[in-house]
Amino acid sequence: MSKPLLTINNLQTHFFLDEGIVQAVNGVYLEIPSGQTLAIVGESGSGKSVTAFSILQLISPPGRIVGGDIIWHNRNDLVLTNLPSEGKTMRSIRGHEIAMIFQEPMTSLSPVHTVGNQIMEAIRLHMKTNKNSAKKKVIDIMSRVGIPNPTERFNQYPHQMSGGLRQRAVIAMALSCQPKLLIADEPTTALDVTIQAQILQLMRDLQKDLSMSILLITHDLGVVAEMADFVAVMYSGRIVEQAQVSDIFQYPQHPYTKALLNSIPRPDTTPKTKLRAITGTVPSPFEKIDGCPFHPRCEEFISGDCNTGHPPPLATIKKNHQAACIKRQPLLKIINNQKSE
């Protein structure tokens, strides 16, 4: 793995509700490498999007970051979690050095402003430029992301564009200030297969052109295989396995990773082969589970080992490959920065 652009150490983001405390993210360790793509995968409710929102300090009450550090190496190891979320420094980073593509473009774009003006607003907010110069930049980035007739599209409203064009407009807005890190939260949701392939190719091309890192949030393992250099598998607010993308697909170690891979179609399976669903459901956010949080659904469950004590920490299997499974612990060296858990 190349030198990290951003490091997450023991991130804990909780939501304080009347019904109780939801530990949406509960001890996440991650490194996002410079110029490469890290994908976070897992079922809905695993904490993927909350992790992404935490990086940008976009957690609103009743949620808040209660522990851990997010270190932005692009600014001399600046600890983002020490900054006020609406302070000058954080606002100068958000949307400029770190940008985000949200899941649904119609909720990211204002319906009462033209697409061009919305992209131009981001440029004028972060870059010292006049209106005419900013408009030229907008038309250039719209053309770059594959929006046809950008001069005309500049004056269109979101409802006048197709879903694919709206997603391209959101990408244009995110890339308008040439960020070092792009967070893409389910960037191809609700797009048909053809448009999805075009968007993924666009992101790869722009990453290469801008030497940009990407944090890809998705539940689609096909997208992961296409886009990612490294993968982190998340379950119940924790990372349970992380490795290079080839190792995740060829040598998965955690039972949850294996279950995810077994639940998707494969080209080498025989006709009429039934897909294997993961038994059970994601635990309630208010449910306290001893031991490994996946043990109620695990096919490799060992009573007395998997369902007692604290969740197993990530442990090194080989270089750039860690898994948090009690069955692997006797053979593995526990990562130093997680010994205290």
C-alpha atoms as a PDB file:
ATOM      1  CA  MET A   1       0.000   0.000   0.000  1.00  0.00           C
ATOM      2  CA  SER A   2       1.304   3.471  -0.895  1.00  0.00           C
ATOM      3  CA  LYS A   3       1.717   6.254   1.649  1.00  0.00           C
ATOM      4  CA  PRO A   4      -1.673   7.029   3.221  1.00  0.00           C
ATOM      5  CA  LEU A   5      -3.461  10.248   2.378  1.00  0.00           C
ATOM      6  CA  LEU A   6      -5.864   9.876   5.297  1.00  0.00           C
ATOM      7  CA  THR A   7      -5.723   7.701   8.411  1.00  0.00           C
ATOM      8  CA  ILE A   8      -8.601   6.731  10.699  1.00  0.00           C
ATOM      9  CA  ASN A   9      -7.681   5.527  14.188  1.00  0.00           C
ATOM     10  CA  ASN A  10     -10.312   3.970  16.452  1.00  0.00           C
ATOM     11  CA  LEU A  11     -13.182   6.089  15.097  1.00  0.00           C
ATOM     12  CA  GLN A  12     -16.343   5.960  17.196  1.00  0.00           C
ATOM     13  CA  THR A  13     -19.492   7.714  16.013  1.00  0.00           C
ATOM     14  CA  HIS A  14     -22.618   7.238  18.115  1.00  0.00           C
ATOM     15  CA  PHE A  15     -26.223   8.415  17.927  1.00  0.00           C
ATOM     16  CA  PHE A  16     -27.954   9.298  21.184  1.00  0.00           C
ATOM     17  CA  LEU A  17     -31.652   8.475  20.772  1.00  0.00           C
ATOM     18  CA  ASP A  18     -34.521   8.228  23.242  1.00  0.00           C
ATOM     19  CA  GLU A  19     -34.496   4.457  22.736  1.00  0.00           C
ATOM     20  CA  GLY A  20     -30.799   4.205  23.564  1.00  0.00           C
ATOM     21  CA  ILE A  21     -27.330   4.718  22.095  1.00  0.00           C
ATOM     22  CA  VAL A  22     -26.608   3.494  18.564  1.00  0.00           C
ATOM     23  CA  GLN A  23     -22.905   2.723  18.126  1.00  0.00           C
ATOM     24  CA  ALA A  24     -23.014   3.181  14.352  1.00  0.00           C
ATOM     25  CA  VAL A  25     -19.219   3.222  14.049  1.00  0.00           C
ATOM     26  CA  ASN A  26     -17.411   1.544  16.899  1.00  0.00           C
ATOM     27  CA  GLY A  27     -13.641   1.350  16.587  1.00  0.00           C
ATOM     28  CA  VAL A  28     -12.764   1.707  12.904  1.00  0.00           C
ATOM     29  CA  TYR A  29      -9.139   1.712  11.739  1.00  0.00           C
ATOM     30  CA  LEU A  30      -8.464   2.555   8.087  1.00  0.00           C
ATOM     31  CA  GLU A  31      -5.822   3.992   5.802  1.00  0.00           C
ATOM     32  CA  ILE A  32      -6.766   5.530   2.454  1.00  0.00           C
ATOM     33  CA  PRO A  33      -3.731   5.235   0.137  1.00  0.00           C
ATOM     34  CA  SER A  34      -2.581   8.130  -2.043  1.00  0.00           C
ATOM     35  CA  GLY A  35      -3.742   7.908  -5.650  1.00  0.00           C
ATOM     36  CA  GLN A  36      -5.593   4.620  -5.162  1.00  0.00           C
ATOM     37  CA  THR A  37      -9.105   3.385  -4.394  1.00  0.00           C
ATOM     38  CA  LEU A  38     -10.232   1.897  -1.097  1.00  0.00           C
ATOM     39  CA  ALA A  39     -13.707   0.344  -1.124  1.00  0.00           C
ATOM     40  CA  ILE A  40     -15.779  -0.184   2.019  1.00  0.00           C
ATOM     41  CA  VAL A  41     -18.349  -2.952   1.568  1.00  0.00           C
ATOM     42  CA  GLY A  42     -21.046  -4.426   3.756  1.00  0.00           C
ATOM     43  CA  GLU A  43     -24.789  -4.720   4.173  1.00  0.00           C
ATOM     44  CA  SER A  44     -27.014  -1.718   4.833  1.00  0.00           C
ATOM     45  CA  GLY A  45     -26.647  -0.579   8.416  1.00  0.00           C
ATOM     46  CA  SER A  46     -23.036  -1.693   8.770  1.00  0.00           C
ATOM     47  CA  GLY A  47     -21.727   1.869   9.248  1.00  0.00           C
ATOM     48  CA  LYS A  48     -20.226   2.564   5.818  1.00  0.00           C
ATOM     49  CA  SER A  49     -21.898   5.901   5.127  1.00  0.00           C
ATOM     50  CA  VAL A  50     -21.542   7.082   8.734  1.00  0.00           C
ATOM     51  CA  THR A  51     -17.791   6.511   8.429  1.00  0.00           C
ATOM     52  CA  ALA A  52     -17.734   8.641   5.268  1.00  0.00           C
ATOM     53  CA  PHE A  53     -19.818  11.407   6.839  1.00  0.00           C
ATOM     54  CA  SER A  54     -17.529  11.369   9.878  1.00  0.00           C
ATOM     55  CA  ILE A  55     -14.510  12.154   7.692  1.00  0.00           C
ATOM     56  CA  LEU A  56     -16.201  15.335   6.495  1.00  0.00           C
ATOM     57  CA  GLN A  57     -17.544  16.210   9.966  1.00  0.00           C
ATOM     58  CA  LEU A  58     -21.107  15.973   8.643  1.00  0.00           C
ATOM     59  CA  ILE A  59     -22.601  14.129  11.615  1.00  0.00           C
ATOM     60  CA  SER A  60     -25.657  16.022  12.844  1.00  0.00           C
ATOM     61  CA  PRO A  61     -27.347  15.719  16.254  1.00  0.00           C
ATOM     62  CA  PRO A  62     -28.324  13.413  17.841  1.00  0.00           C
ATOM     63  CA  GLY A  63     -25.141  11.865  16.430  1.00  0.00           C
ATOM     64  CA  ARG A  64     -21.579  12.857  17.235  1.00  0.00           C
ATOM     65  CA  ILE A  65     -18.027  11.567  17.019  1.00  0.00           C
ATOM     66  CA  VAL A  66     -17.183  10.411  20.540  1.00  0.00           C
ATOM     67  CA  GLY A  67     -13.691   9.025  20.026  1.00  0.00           C
ATOM     68  CA  GLY A  68     -10.798   8.379  17.692  1.00  0.00           C
ATOM     69  CA  ASP A  69      -8.742  10.451  15.262  1.00  0.00           C
ATOM     70  CA  ILE A  70      -9.096  11.226  11.557  1.00  0.00           C
ATOM     71  CA  ILE A  71      -5.714  12.424  10.288  1.00  0.00           C
ATOM     72  CA  TRP A  72      -5.447  14.374   7.022  1.00  0.00           C
ATOM     73  CA  HIS A  73      -1.862  13.916   5.847  1.00  0.00           C
ATOM     74  CA  ASN A  74      -2.303  16.396   2.989  1.00  0.00           C
ATOM     75  CA  ARG A  75      -2.065  19.200   5.589  1.00  0.00           C
ATOM     76  CA  ASN A  76       0.883  18.127   7.716  1.00  0.00           C
ATOM     77  CA  ASP A  77      -1.019  15.394   9.573  1.00  0.00           C
ATOM     78  CA  LEU A  78      -3.898  17.661  10.561  1.00  0.00           C
ATOM     79  CA  VAL A  79      -6.305  15.908  12.954  1.00  0.00           C
ATOM     80  CA  LEU A  80      -9.751  16.657  11.510  1.00  0.00           C
ATOM     81  CA  THR A  81     -11.583  15.395  14.589  1.00  0.00           C
ATOM     82  CA  ASN A  82      -9.965  18.219  16.588  1.00  0.00           C
ATOM     83  CA  LEU A  83     -11.538  20.868  14.356  1.00  0.00           C
ATOM     84  CA  PRO A  84     -14.950  22.534  14.828  1.00  0.00           C
ATOM     85  CA  SER A  85     -17.235  21.056  12.169  1.00  0.00           C
ATOM     86  CA  GLU A  86     -18.265  24.501  10.914  1.00  0.00           C
ATOM     87  CA  GLY A  87     -14.949  26.218  11.560  1.00  0.00           C
ATOM     88  CA  LYS A  88     -12.990  28.005   8.843  1.00  0.00           C
ATOM     89  CA  THR A  89     -10.389  25.252   8.417  1.00  0.00           C
ATOM     90  CA  MET A  90     -12.895  22.403   8.102  1.00  0.00           C
ATOM     91  CA  ARG A  91     -15.012  24.389   5.641  1.00  0.00           C
ATOM     92  CA  SER A  92     -11.932  25.100   3.538  1.00  0.00           C
ATOM     93  CA  ILE A  93     -11.191  21.348   3.345  1.00  0.00           C
ATOM     94  CA  ARG A  94     -14.755  20.123   2.801  1.00  0.00           C
ATOM     95  CA  GLY A  95     -15.654  20.340  -0.874  1.00  0.00           C
ATOM     96  CA  HIS A  96     -12.168  21.473  -1.845  1.00  0.00           C
ATOM     97  CA  GLU A  97      -9.513  19.031  -0.645  1.00  0.00           C
ATOM     98  CA  ILE A  98     -12.043  16.325   0.258  1.00  0.00           C
ATOM     99  CA  ALA A  99     -15.215  16.103  -1.842  1.00  0.00           C
ATOM    100  CA  MET A 100     -18.148  13.720  -1.805  1.00  0.00           C
ATOM    101  CA  ILE A 101     -20.582  12.203  -4.277  1.00  0.00           C
ATOM    102  CA  PHE A 102     -23.800  11.411  -2.433  1.00  0.00           C
ATOM    103  CA  GLN A 103     -26.070   8.431  -3.093  1.00  0.00           C
ATOM    104  CA  GLU A 104     -28.970  10.185  -4.795  1.00  0.00           C
ATOM    105  CA  PRO A 105     -28.178  13.110  -7.133  1.00  0.00           C
ATOM    106  CA  MET A 106     -31.696  14.562  -6.858  1.00  0.00           C
ATOM    107  CA  THR A 107     -31.115  15.128  -3.133  1.00  0.00           C
ATOM    108  CA  SER A 108     -27.656  16.623  -3.785  1.00  0.00           C
ATOM    109  CA  LEU A 109     -28.856  19.154  -6.366  1.00  0.00           C
ATOM    110  CA  SER A 110     -31.169  22.028  -5.592  1.00  0.00           C
ATOM    111  CA  PRO A 111     -34.304  21.849  -7.767  1.00  0.00           C
ATOM    112  CA  VAL A 112     -34.647  25.659  -7.906  1.00  0.00           C
ATOM    113  CA  HIS A 113     -31.159  26.508  -9.202  1.00  0.00           C
ATOM    114  CA  THR A 114     -29.568  25.641 -12.520  1.00  0.00           C
ATOM    115  CA  VAL A 115     -26.976  22.887 -12.537  1.00  0.00           C
ATOM    116  CA  GLY A 116     -24.294  25.214 -13.852  1.00  0.00           C
ATOM    117  CA  ASN A 117     -24.800  27.785 -11.117  1.00  0.00           C
ATOM    118  CA  GLN A 118     -24.631  25.100  -8.436  1.00  0.00           C
ATOM    119  CA  ILE A 119     -21.274  23.860  -9.720  1.00  0.00           C
ATOM    120  CA  MET A 120     -20.059  27.452 -10.080  1.00  0.00           C
ATOM    121  CA  GLU A 121     -20.977  28.184  -6.461  1.00  0.00           C
ATOM    122  CA  ALA A 122     -18.547  25.495  -5.278  1.00  0.00           C
ATOM    123  CA  ILE A 123     -15.748  26.956  -7.413  1.00  0.00           C
ATOM    124  CA  ARG A 124     -16.319  30.533  -6.222  1.00  0.00           C
ATOM    125  CA  LEU A 125     -16.536  29.388  -2.605  1.00  0.00           C
ATOM    126  CA  HIS A 126     -13.115  27.721  -2.598  1.00  0.00           C
ATOM    127  CA  MET A 127     -11.172  29.387  -5.415  1.00  0.00           C
ATOM    128  CA  LYS A 128     -10.463  33.082  -5.859  1.00  0.00           C
ATOM    129  CA  THR A 129     -12.002  33.703  -9.263  1.00  0.00           C
ATOM    130  CA  ASN A 130     -14.535  36.017 -10.879  1.00  0.00           C
ATOM    131  CA  LYS A 131     -17.890  34.924 -12.244  1.00  0.00           C
ATOM    132  CA  ASN A 132     -16.841  34.726 -15.902  1.00  0.00           C
ATOM    133  CA  SER A 133     -13.730  32.690 -15.127  1.00  0.00           C
ATOM    134  CA  ALA A 134     -15.732  30.397 -12.839  1.00  0.00           C
ATOM    135  CA  LYS A 135     -18.321  29.821 -15.578  1.00  0.00           C
ATOM    136  CA  LYS A 136     -15.578  28.797 -18.014  1.00  0.00           C
ATOM    137  CA  LYS A 137     -14.275  26.323 -15.438  1.00  0.00           C
ATOM    138  CA  VAL A 138     -17.778  24.893 -15.000  1.00  0.00           C
ATOM    139  CA  ILE A 139     -18.296  24.394 -18.727  1.00  0.00           C
ATOM    140  CA  ASP A 140     -14.876  22.769 -18.961  1.00  0.00           C
ATOM    141  CA  ILE A 141     -15.530  20.317 -16.092  1.00  0.00           C
ATOM    142  CA  MET A 142     -19.030  19.529 -17.429  1.00  0.00           C
ATOM    143  CA  SER A 143     -17.463  18.655 -20.770  1.00  0.00           C
ATOM    144  CA  ARG A 144     -14.765  16.645 -19.019  1.00  0.00           C
ATOM    145  CA  VAL A 145     -17.291  14.443 -17.216  1.00  0.00           C
ATOM    146  CA  GLY A 146     -19.099  13.728 -20.465  1.00  0.00           C
ATOM    147  CA  ILE A 147     -22.090  16.081 -20.302  1.00  0.00           C
ATOM    148  CA  PRO A 148     -22.982  16.882 -23.943  1.00  0.00           C
ATOM    149  CA  ASN A 149     -23.570  20.506 -24.987  1.00  0.00           C
ATOM    150  CA  PRO A 150     -22.260  21.861 -21.665  1.00  0.00           C
ATOM    151  CA  THR A 151     -22.959  25.501 -22.556  1.00  0.00           C
ATOM    152  CA  GLU A 152     -26.659  24.711 -22.958  1.00  0.00           C
ATOM    153  CA  ARG A 153     -26.765  22.274 -20.031  1.00  0.00           C
ATOM    154  CA  PHE A 154     -25.271  24.973 -17.793  1.00  0.00           C
ATOM    155  CA  ASN A 155     -28.690  26.679 -17.685  1.00  0.00           C
ATOM    156  CA  GLN A 156     -30.766  23.540 -17.174  1.00  0.00           C
ATOM    157  CA  TYR A 157     -32.416  22.506 -13.930  1.00  0.00           C
ATOM    158  CA  PRO A 158     -31.882  19.013 -12.451  1.00  0.00           C
ATOM    159  CA  HIS A 159     -35.354  17.789 -13.476  1.00  0.00           C
ATOM    160  CA  GLN A 160     -34.478  18.530 -17.101  1.00  0.00           C
ATOM    161  CA  MET A 161     -31.653  15.985 -17.056  1.00  0.00           C
ATOM    162  CA  SER A 162     -31.672  12.198 -17.112  1.00  0.00           C
ATOM    163  CA  GLY A 163     -30.467  10.212 -14.116  1.00  0.00           C
ATOM    164  CA  GLY A 164     -27.114   9.556 -15.758  1.00  0.00           C
ATOM    165  CA  LEU A 165     -26.571  13.232 -16.582  1.00  0.00           C
ATOM    166  CA  ARG A 166     -27.547  14.281 -13.061  1.00  0.00           C
ATOM    167  CA  GLN A 167     -24.972  11.863 -11.658  1.00  0.00           C
ATOM    168  CA  ARG A 168     -22.355  13.316 -14.005  1.00  0.00           C
ATOM    169  CA  ALA A 169     -23.320  16.803 -12.808  1.00  0.00           C
ATOM    170  CA  VAL A 170     -22.827  15.713  -9.185  1.00  0.00           C
ATOM    171  CA  ILE A 171     -19.409  14.297 -10.104  1.00  0.00           C
ATOM    172  CA  ALA A 172     -18.569  17.567 -11.873  1.00  0.00           C
ATOM    173  CA  MET A 173     -19.494  19.495  -8.729  1.00  0.00           C
ATOM    174  CA  ALA A 174     -17.356  17.209  -6.550  1.00  0.00           C
ATOM    175  CA  LEU A 175     -14.365  17.491  -8.901  1.00  0.00           C
ATOM    176  CA  SER A 176     -14.700  21.197  -9.660  1.00  0.00           C
ATOM    177  CA  CYS A 177     -12.020  22.151  -7.114  1.00  0.00           C
ATOM    178  CA  GLN A 178      -9.750  19.199  -7.939  1.00  0.00           C
ATOM    179  CA  PRO A 179      -9.899  17.390  -4.565  1.00  0.00           C
ATOM    180  CA  LYS A 180      -7.164  15.071  -3.348  1.00  0.00           C
ATOM    181  CA  LEU A 181      -9.763  12.661  -1.934  1.00  0.00           C
ATOM    182  CA  LEU A 182     -13.128  11.836  -3.484  1.00  0.00           C
ATOM    183  CA  ILE A 183     -15.654  10.009  -1.296  1.00  0.00           C
ATOM    184  CA  ALA A 184     -18.181   8.216  -3.513  1.00  0.00           C
ATOM    185  CA  ASP A 185     -21.200   6.906  -1.592  1.00  0.00           C
ATOM    186  CA  GLU A 186     -23.006   4.371  -3.812  1.00  0.00           C
ATOM    187  CA  PRO A 187     -22.246   6.483  -6.914  1.00  0.00           C
ATOM    188  CA  THR A 188     -24.072   4.163  -9.333  1.00  0.00           C
ATOM    189  CA  THR A 189     -27.242   3.496  -7.325  1.00  0.00           C
ATOM    190  CA  ALA A 190     -30.426   3.503  -9.454  1.00  0.00           C
ATOM    191  CA  LEU A 191     -28.471   3.741 -12.724  1.00  0.00           C
ATOM    192  CA  ASP A 192     -28.897   1.152 -15.451  1.00  0.00           C
ATOM    193  CA  VAL A 193     -25.978  -1.143 -16.259  1.00  0.00           C
ATOM    194  CA  THR A 194     -24.796   0.827 -19.302  1.00  0.00           C
ATOM    195  CA  ILE A 195     -24.764   4.176 -17.491  1.00  0.00           C
ATOM    196  CA  GLN A 196     -23.168   2.538 -14.444  1.00  0.00           C
ATOM    197  CA  ALA A 197     -20.263   1.287 -16.575  1.00  0.00           C
ATOM    198  CA  GLN A 198     -19.812   4.764 -18.072  1.00  0.00           C
ATOM    199  CA  ILE A 199     -19.750   6.428 -14.629  1.00  0.00           C
ATOM    200  CA  LEU A 200     -17.209   3.936 -13.283  1.00  0.00           C
ATOM    201  CA  GLN A 201     -14.975   4.419 -16.319  1.00  0.00           C
ATOM    202  CA  LEU A 202     -15.289   8.189 -15.887  1.00  0.00           C
ATOM    203  CA  MET A 203     -14.204   7.953 -12.252  1.00  0.00           C
ATOM    204  CA  ARG A 204     -11.192   5.804 -13.179  1.00  0.00           C
ATOM    205  CA  ASP A 205     -10.122   8.226 -15.912  1.00  0.00           C
ATOM    206  CA  LEU A 206     -10.477  11.277 -13.665  1.00  0.00           C
ATOM    207  CA  GLN A 207      -8.622   9.557 -10.841  1.00  0.00           C
ATOM    208  CA  LYS A 208      -5.693   8.956 -13.171  1.00  0.00           C
ATOM    209  CA  ASP A 209      -5.764  12.509 -14.567  1.00  0.00           C
ATOM    210  CA  LEU A 210      -5.972  14.190 -11.143  1.00  0.00           C
ATOM    211  CA  SER A 211      -3.822  11.716  -9.124  1.00  0.00           C
ATOM    212  CA  MET A 212      -6.791  11.467  -6.788  1.00  0.00           C
ATOM    213  CA  SER A 213      -7.619   8.978  -4.034  1.00  0.00           C
ATOM    214  CA  ILE A 214     -11.121   7.497  -3.904  1.00  0.00           C
ATOM    215  CA  LEU A 215     -13.030   6.129  -0.935  1.00  0.00           C
ATOM    216  CA  LEU A 216     -15.776   4.033  -2.517  1.00  0.00           C
ATOM    217  CA  ILE A 217     -18.789   3.125  -0.375  1.00  0.00           C
ATOM    218  CA  THR A 218     -20.828   0.302  -1.901  1.00  0.00           C
ATOM    219  CA  HIS A 219     -22.626  -2.985  -1.358  1.00  0.00           C
ATOM    220  CA  ASP A 220     -21.994  -4.043  -4.983  1.00  0.00           C
ATOM    221  CA  LEU A 221     -19.054  -6.437  -5.132  1.00  0.00           C
ATOM    222  CA  GLY A 222     -19.037  -6.225  -8.921  1.00  0.00           C
ATOM    223  CA  VAL A 223     -18.275  -2.502  -8.648  1.00  0.00           C
ATOM    224  CA  VAL A 224     -15.583  -3.294  -6.079  1.00  0.00           C
ATOM    225  CA  ALA A 225     -13.876  -5.772  -8.423  1.00  0.00           C
ATOM    226  CA  GLU A 226     -13.951  -3.168 -11.187  1.00  0.00           C
ATOM    227  CA  MET A 227     -12.779  -0.131  -9.203  1.00  0.00           C
ATOM    228  CA  ALA A 228     -10.907  -0.931  -6.004  1.00  0.00           C
ATOM    229  CA  ASP A 229      -7.248  -1.468  -5.183  1.00  0.00           C
ATOM    230  CA  PHE A 230      -7.992  -2.293  -1.536  1.00  0.00           C
ATOM    231  CA  VAL A 231     -11.151  -3.436   0.241  1.00  0.00           C
ATOM    232  CA  ALA A 232     -12.388  -3.053   3.812  1.00  0.00           C
ATOM    233  CA  VAL A 233     -15.324  -5.267   4.823  1.00  0.00           C
ATOM    234  CA  MET A 234     -17.530  -3.672   7.471  1.00  0.00           C
ATOM    235  CA  TYR A 235     -20.063  -5.283   9.802  1.00  0.00           C
ATOM    236  CA  SER A 236     -21.920  -3.827  12.776  1.00  0.00           C
ATOM    237  CA  GLY A 237     -19.776  -0.687  12.971  1.00  0.00           C
ATOM    238  CA  ARG A 238     -16.383  -2.433  12.688  1.00  0.00           C
ATOM    239  CA  ILE A 239     -13.917  -3.461  10.003  1.00  0.00           C
ATOM    240  CA  VAL A 240     -13.829  -7.276  10.010  1.00  0.00           C
ATOM    241  CA  GLU A 241     -11.420  -7.779   7.110  1.00  0.00           C
ATOM    242  CA  GLN A 242      -9.238  -5.638   4.859  1.00  0.00           C
ATOM    243  CA  ALA A 243      -6.853  -6.562   2.071  1.00  0.00           C
ATOM    244  CA  GLN A 244      -5.932  -5.995  -1.543  1.00  0.00           C
ATOM    245  CA  VAL A 245      -8.926  -6.560  -3.784  1.00  0.00           C
ATOM    246  CA  SER A 246      -7.456  -9.746  -5.306  1.00  0.00           C
ATOM    247  CA  ASP A 247      -6.921 -11.292  -1.860  1.00  0.00           C
ATOM    248  CA  ILE A 248     -10.472 -10.479  -0.751  1.00  0.00           C
ATOM    249  CA  PHE A 249     -11.925 -12.292  -3.765  1.00  0.00           C
ATOM    250  CA  GLN A 250      -9.458 -15.197  -3.887  1.00  0.00           C
ATOM    251  CA  TYR A 251      -8.522 -15.746  -0.218  1.00  0.00           C
ATOM    252  CA  PRO A 252     -11.286 -14.355   2.023  1.00  0.00           C
ATOM    253  CA  GLN A 253     -10.608 -15.070   5.694  1.00  0.00           C
ATOM    254  CA  HIS A 254     -13.550 -13.745   7.684  1.00  0.00           C
ATOM    255  CA  PRO A 255     -16.790 -15.787   7.538  1.00  0.00           C
ATOM    256  CA  TYR A 256     -18.767 -12.624   6.752  1.00  0.00           C
ATOM    257  CA  THR A 257     -16.567 -11.863   3.743  1.00  0.00           C
ATOM    258  CA  LYS A 258     -17.012 -15.449   2.544  1.00  0.00           C
ATOM    259  CA  ALA A 259     -20.785 -15.171   2.993  1.00  0.00           C
ATOM    260  CA  LEU A 260     -20.926 -11.937   0.976  1.00  0.00           C
ATOM    261  CA  LEU A 261     -18.957 -13.522  -1.861  1.00  0.00           C
ATOM    262  CA  ASN A 262     -21.094 -16.677  -1.814  1.00  0.00           C
ATOM    263  CA  SER A 263     -24.261 -14.588  -2.174  1.00  0.00           C
ATOM    264  CA  ILE A 264     -23.354 -13.108  -5.568  1.00  0.00           C
ATOM    265  CA  PRO A 265     -23.608 -14.806  -8.992  1.00  0.00           C
ATOM    266  CA  ARG A 266     -20.368 -16.177 -10.437  1.00  0.00           C
ATOM    267  CA  PRO A 267     -19.623 -16.934 -14.099  1.00  0.00           C
ATOM    268  CA  ASP A 268     -18.063 -20.302 -13.232  1.00  0.00           C
ATOM    269  CA  THR A 269     -21.165 -21.732 -11.511  1.00  0.00           C
ATOM    270  CA  THR A 270     -23.309 -24.351 -13.194  1.00  0.00           C
ATOM    271  CA  PRO A 271     -26.816 -23.480 -14.473  1.00  0.00           C
ATOM    272  CA  LYS A 272     -29.616 -23.416 -11.874  1.00  0.00           C
ATOM    273  CA  THR A 273     -27.109 -23.195  -9.021  1.00  0.00           C
ATOM    274  CA  LYS A 274     -28.868 -21.534  -6.085  1.00  0.00           C
ATOM    275  CA  LEU A 275     -27.244 -18.504  -4.532  1.00  0.00           C
ATOM    276  CA  ARG A 276     -26.478 -18.873  -0.839  1.00  0.00           C
ATOM    277  CA  ALA A 277     -28.198 -16.225   1.235  1.00  0.00           C
ATOM    278  CA  ILE A 278     -26.611 -15.090   4.488  1.00  0.00           C
ATOM    279  CA  THR A 279     -28.694 -16.569   7.300  1.00  0.00           C
ATOM    280  CA  GLY A 280     -30.364 -14.249   9.783  1.00  0.00           C
ATOM    281  CA  THR A 281     -30.451 -10.462   9.659  1.00  0.00           C
ATOM    282  CA  VAL A 282     -28.208  -7.556  10.577  1.00  0.00           C
ATOM    283  CA  PRO A 283     -28.525  -7.098  14.359  1.00  0.00           C
ATOM    284  CA  SER A 284     -30.617  -4.283  15.776  1.00  0.00           C
ATOM    285  CA  PRO A 285     -28.484  -1.219  16.552  1.00  0.00           C
ATOM    286  CA  PHE A 286     -29.728  -1.441  20.165  1.00  0.00           C
ATOM    287  CA  GLU A 287     -28.799  -5.116  20.539  1.00  0.00           C
ATOM    288  CA  LYS A 288     -25.688  -5.884  22.584  1.00  0.00           C
ATOM    289  CA  ILE A 289     -23.826  -8.932  21.284  1.00  0.00           C
ATOM    290  CA  ASP A 290     -20.951 -10.505  23.195  1.00  0.00           C
ATOM    291  CA  GLY A 291     -17.927 -11.659  21.253  1.00  0.00           C
ATOM    292  CA  CYS A 292     -17.928 -11.425  17.479  1.00  0.00           C
ATOM    293  CA  PRO A 293     -20.998  -9.467  16.301  1.00  0.00           C
ATOM    294  CA  PHE A 294     -21.382 -11.827  13.329  1.00  0.00           C
ATOM    295  CA  HIS A 295     -21.518 -15.022  15.412  1.00  0.00           C
ATOM    296  CA  PRO A 296     -25.351 -15.386  15.405  1.00  0.00           C
ATOM    297  CA  ARG A 297     -25.209 -15.720  11.595  1.00  0.00           C
ATOM    298  CA  CYS A 298     -21.839 -17.456  11.224  1.00  0.00           C
ATOM    299  CA  GLU A 299     -21.509 -20.927   9.700  1.00  0.00           C
ATOM    300  CA  GLU A 300     -18.143 -21.372  11.467  1.00  0.00           C
ATOM    301  CA  PHE A 301     -19.483 -20.456  14.927  1.00  0.00           C
ATOM    302  CA  ILE A 302     -17.705 -22.044  17.921  1.00  0.00           C
ATOM    303  CA  SER A 303     -19.699 -21.840  21.150  1.00  0.00           C
ATOM    304  CA  GLY A 304     -17.701 -20.455  24.043  1.00  0.00           C
ATOM    305  CA  ASP A 305     -15.146 -18.805  21.772  1.00  0.00           C
ATOM    306  CA  CYS A 306     -17.081 -16.673  19.293  1.00  0.00           C
ATOM    307  CA  ASN A 307     -19.865 -15.536  21.656  1.00  0.00           C
ATOM    308  CA  THR A 308     -17.897 -14.383  24.703  1.00  0.00           C
ATOM    309  CA  GLY A 309     -15.802 -11.378  25.630  1.00  0.00           C
ATOM    310  CA  HIS A 310     -14.985  -8.467  23.332  1.00  0.00           C
ATOM    311  CA  PRO A 311     -15.110  -8.519  19.526  1.00  0.00           C
ATOM    312  CA  PRO A 312     -11.881 -10.020  18.141  1.00  0.00           C
ATOM    313  CA  PRO A 313      -9.410  -7.379  16.929  1.00  0.00           C
ATOM    314  CA  LEU A 314      -8.031  -7.212  13.431  1.00  0.00           C
ATOM    315  CA  ALA A 315      -5.001  -9.447  13.124  1.00  0.00           C
ATOM    316  CA  THR A 316      -2.392  -9.694  10.380  1.00  0.00           C
ATOM    317  CA  ILE A 317      -2.603 -12.703   8.081  1.00  0.00           C
ATOM    318  CA  LYS A 318       0.044 -11.487   5.672  1.00  0.00           C
ATOM    319  CA  LYS A 319       1.222  -8.126   4.370  1.00  0.00           C
ATOM    320  CA  ASN A 320      -1.768  -5.820   3.720  1.00  0.00           C
ATOM    321  CA  HIS A 321      -4.273  -8.481   4.803  1.00  0.00           C
ATOM    322  CA  GLN A 322      -6.035  -8.442   8.193  1.00  0.00           C
ATOM    323  CA  ALA A 323      -9.104 -10.207   9.551  1.00  0.00           C
ATOM    324  CA  ALA A 324     -11.010 -10.077  12.849  1.00  0.00           C
ATOM    325  CA  CYS A 325     -11.957 -13.720  13.460  1.00  0.00           C
ATOM    326  CA  ILE A 326     -11.227 -15.694  16.625  1.00  0.00           C
ATOM    327  CA  LYS A 327     -10.466 -18.818  14.558  1.00  0.00           C
ATOM    328  CA  ARG A 328      -7.531 -17.022  12.945  1.00  0.00           C
ATOM    329  CA  GLN A 329      -6.150 -15.499  16.153  1.00  0.00           C
ATOM    330  CA  PRO A 330      -3.781 -18.310  17.266  1.00  0.00           C
ATOM    331  CA  LEU A 331      -1.909 -18.068  13.969  1.00  0.00           C
ATOM    332  CA  LEU A 332      -1.875 -14.320  13.675  1.00  0.00           C
ATOM    333  CA  LYS A 333      -0.052 -11.329  15.062  1.00  0.00           C
ATOM    334  CA  ILE A 334      -2.535  -8.828  16.492  1.00  0.00           C
ATOM    335  CA  ILE A 335      -2.169  -5.354  15.086  1.00  0.00           C
ATOM    336  CA  ASN A 336      -0.359  -3.238  17.651  1.00  0.00           C
ATOM    337  CA  ASN A 337      -2.739  -0.296  17.595  1.00  0.00           C
ATOM    338  CA  GLN A 338      -5.679  -2.534  18.497  1.00  0.00           C
ATOM    339  CA  LYS A 339      -4.167  -4.461  21.397  1.00  0.00           C
ATOM    340  CA  SER A 340      -5.998  -2.283  23.904  1.00  0.00           C
ATOM    341  CA  GLU A 341      -9.450  -3.306  22.672  1.00  0.00           C
END
